[in-house]
C-alpha atoms as a PDB file:
ATOM      1  CA  UNK A   1     -26.352  -0.088 -21.574  1.00  0.00           C
ATOM      2  CA  UNK A   2     -28.081  -0.462 -18.218  1.00  0.00           C
ATOM      3  CA  UNK A   3     -26.116   0.802 -15.227  1.00  0.00           C
ATOM      4  CA  UNK A   4     -25.791  -1.536 -12.239  1.00  0.00           C
ATOM      5  CA  UNK A   5     -25.693  -0.500  -8.618  1.00  0.00           C
ATOM      6  CA  UNK A   6     -22.608  -1.416  -6.558  1.00  0.00           C
ATOM      7  CA  UNK A   7     -24.132  -4.598  -5.091  1.00  0.00           C
ATOM      8  CA  UNK A   8     -25.167  -5.930  -8.514  1.00  0.00           C
ATOM      9  CA  UNK A   9     -21.737  -5.129  -9.977  1.00  0.00           C
ATOM     10  CA  UNK A  10     -20.033  -6.941  -7.090  1.00  0.00           C
ATOM     11  CA  UNK A  11     -22.145 -10.068  -7.595  1.00  0.00           C
ATOM     12  CA  UNK A  12     -21.438 -10.173 -11.344  1.00  0.00           C
ATOM     13  CA  UNK A  13     -17.669 -10.461 -10.779  1.00  0.00           C
ATOM     14  CA  UNK A  14     -17.692 -12.452  -7.560  1.00  0.00           C
ATOM     15  CA  UNK A  15     -15.453 -15.512  -7.821  1.00  0.00           C
ATOM     16  CA  UNK A  16     -14.456 -14.827 -11.439  1.00  0.00           C
ATOM     17  CA  UNK A  17     -11.227 -13.846 -13.160  1.00  0.00           C
ATOM     18  CA  UNK A  18     -11.433 -10.256 -14.424  1.00  0.00           C
ATOM     19  CA  UNK A  19      -9.434  -8.094 -16.825  1.00  0.00           C
ATOM     20  CA  UNK A  20      -8.063  -4.716 -15.713  1.00  0.00           C
ATOM     21  CA  UNK A  21      -5.942  -1.953 -17.176  1.00  0.00           C
ATOM     22  CA  UNK A  22      -2.596  -1.494 -15.405  1.00  0.00           C
ATOM     23  CA  UNK A  23       0.600   0.497 -15.776  1.00  0.00           C
ATOM     24  CA  UNK A  24       3.296  -2.197 -15.758  1.00  0.00           C
ATOM     25  CA  UNK A  25       7.017  -1.554 -15.171  1.00  0.00           C
ATOM     26  CA  UNK A  26       9.245  -4.114 -16.890  1.00  0.00           C
ATOM     27  CA  UNK A  27      12.515  -3.001 -15.297  1.00  0.00           C
ATOM     28  CA  UNK A  28      14.152  -0.252 -13.231  1.00  0.00           C
ATOM     29  CA  UNK A  29      13.604   3.194 -14.749  1.00  0.00           C
ATOM     30  CA  UNK A  30      11.796   1.673 -17.741  1.00  0.00           C
ATOM     31  CA  UNK A  31       8.720   3.509 -19.055  1.00  0.00           C
ATOM     32  CA  UNK A  32       5.426   2.162 -17.805  1.00  0.00           C
ATOM     33  CA  UNK A  33       3.485   0.069 -20.290  1.00  0.00           C
ATOM     34  CA  UNK A  34      -0.316   0.451 -20.181  1.00  0.00           C
ATOM     35  CA  UNK A  35      -1.793  -2.994 -20.764  1.00  0.00           C
ATOM     36  CA  UNK A  36      -4.633  -5.336 -19.953  1.00  0.00           C
ATOM     37  CA  UNK A  37      -3.931  -7.823 -17.170  1.00  0.00           C
ATOM     38  CA  UNK A  38      -5.918 -10.781 -15.828  1.00  0.00           C
ATOM     39  CA  UNK A  39      -6.722 -10.820 -12.114  1.00  0.00           C
ATOM     40  CA  UNK A  40      -7.674 -14.093 -10.479  1.00  0.00           C
ATOM     41  CA  UNK A  41     -10.560 -14.244  -7.984  1.00  0.00           C
ATOM     42  CA  UNK A  42      -9.725 -13.385  -4.376  1.00  0.00           C
ATOM     43  CA  UNK A  43      -8.718 -16.177  -2.011  1.00  0.00           C
ATOM     44  CA  UNK A  44     -10.326 -16.842   1.349  1.00  0.00           C
ATOM     45  CA  UNK A  45     -10.114 -13.743   3.612  1.00  0.00           C
ATOM     46  CA  UNK A  46      -9.263 -11.491   0.625  1.00  0.00           C
ATOM     47  CA  UNK A  47     -11.509  -8.922  -1.022  1.00  0.00           C
ATOM     48  CA  UNK A  48     -11.585  -7.364  -4.461  1.00  0.00           C
ATOM     49  CA  UNK A  49     -12.108  -3.621  -4.696  1.00  0.00           C
ATOM     50  CA  UNK A  50     -12.620  -1.381  -7.697  1.00  0.00           C
ATOM     51  CA  UNK A  51      -9.758   1.132  -7.950  1.00  0.00           C
ATOM     52  CA  UNK A  52     -10.609   4.383  -9.692  1.00  0.00           C
ATOM     53  CA  UNK A  53      -7.404   6.305  -8.991  1.00  0.00           C
ATOM     54  CA  UNK A  54      -4.025   5.528  -7.488  1.00  0.00           C
ATOM     55  CA  UNK A  55      -0.788   7.357  -6.904  1.00  0.00           C
ATOM     56  CA  UNK A  56       2.876   6.509  -6.823  1.00  0.00           C
ATOM     57  CA  UNK A  57       4.337   6.970  -3.347  1.00  0.00           C
ATOM     58  CA  UNK A  58       7.997   7.425  -2.408  1.00  0.00           C
ATOM     59  CA  UNK A  59       8.388   3.681  -1.774  1.00  0.00           C
ATOM     60  CA  UNK A  60       7.085   2.938  -5.287  1.00  0.00           C
ATOM     61  CA  UNK A  61       9.358   5.606  -6.757  1.00  0.00           C
ATOM     62  CA  UNK A  62      12.485   4.183  -5.102  1.00  0.00           C
ATOM     63  CA  UNK A  63      11.487   0.668  -6.226  1.00  0.00           C
ATOM     64  CA  UNK A  64      10.981   1.885  -9.815  1.00  0.00           C
ATOM     65  CA  UNK A  65      14.407   3.552  -9.662  1.00  0.00           C
ATOM     66  CA  UNK A  66      15.913   0.239  -8.515  1.00  0.00           C
ATOM     67  CA  UNK A  67      17.399   1.740  -5.349  1.00  0.00           C
ATOM     68  CA  UNK A  68      16.718  -1.275  -3.139  1.00  0.00           C
ATOM     69  CA  UNK A  69      17.830  -4.682  -4.415  1.00  0.00           C
ATOM     70  CA  UNK A  70      15.029  -6.464  -2.541  1.00  0.00           C
ATOM     71  CA  UNK A  71      12.463  -4.426  -4.513  1.00  0.00           C
ATOM     72  CA  UNK A  72      13.870  -5.281  -7.958  1.00  0.00           C
ATOM     73  CA  UNK A  73      11.108  -7.665  -8.947  1.00  0.00           C
ATOM     74  CA  UNK A  74       9.737  -7.195 -12.470  1.00  0.00           C
ATOM     75  CA  UNK A  75       7.320  -7.015 -14.138  1.00  0.00           C
ATOM     76  CA  UNK A  76       5.697  -4.937 -11.431  1.00  0.00           C
ATOM     77  CA  UNK A  77       2.498  -2.936 -10.967  1.00  0.00           C
ATOM     78  CA  UNK A  78       2.895   0.051  -8.682  1.00  0.00           C
ATOM     79  CA  UNK A  79       0.233   2.067  -6.885  1.00  0.00           C
ATOM     80  CA  UNK A  80      -0.858   0.642  -3.550  1.00  0.00           C
ATOM     81  CA  UNK A  81      -2.191   4.046  -2.352  1.00  0.00           C
ATOM     82  CA  UNK A  82      -5.601   3.840  -3.957  1.00  0.00           C
ATOM     83  CA  UNK A  83      -8.898   5.685  -3.725  1.00  0.00           C
ATOM     84  CA  UNK A  84     -12.224   4.997  -5.325  1.00  0.00           C
END
């Protein structure tokens, strides 16, 4: 398989729906389910970035524990502190 540089890889997926692997929480304190999800193309003024690693911060942890009623929205994908 030929490896693409970053610019070529970006152009291949530009404006298209993609499939990603995500750890999905289906309810408070429920185990995460690793599954494939579909991600729609970005809207105007949005960008798509490739996430290699992410962590669960304290806000995510309290949401997963169901501590704040306003954060009890499921299914949910945590991990907004990304690097990559």
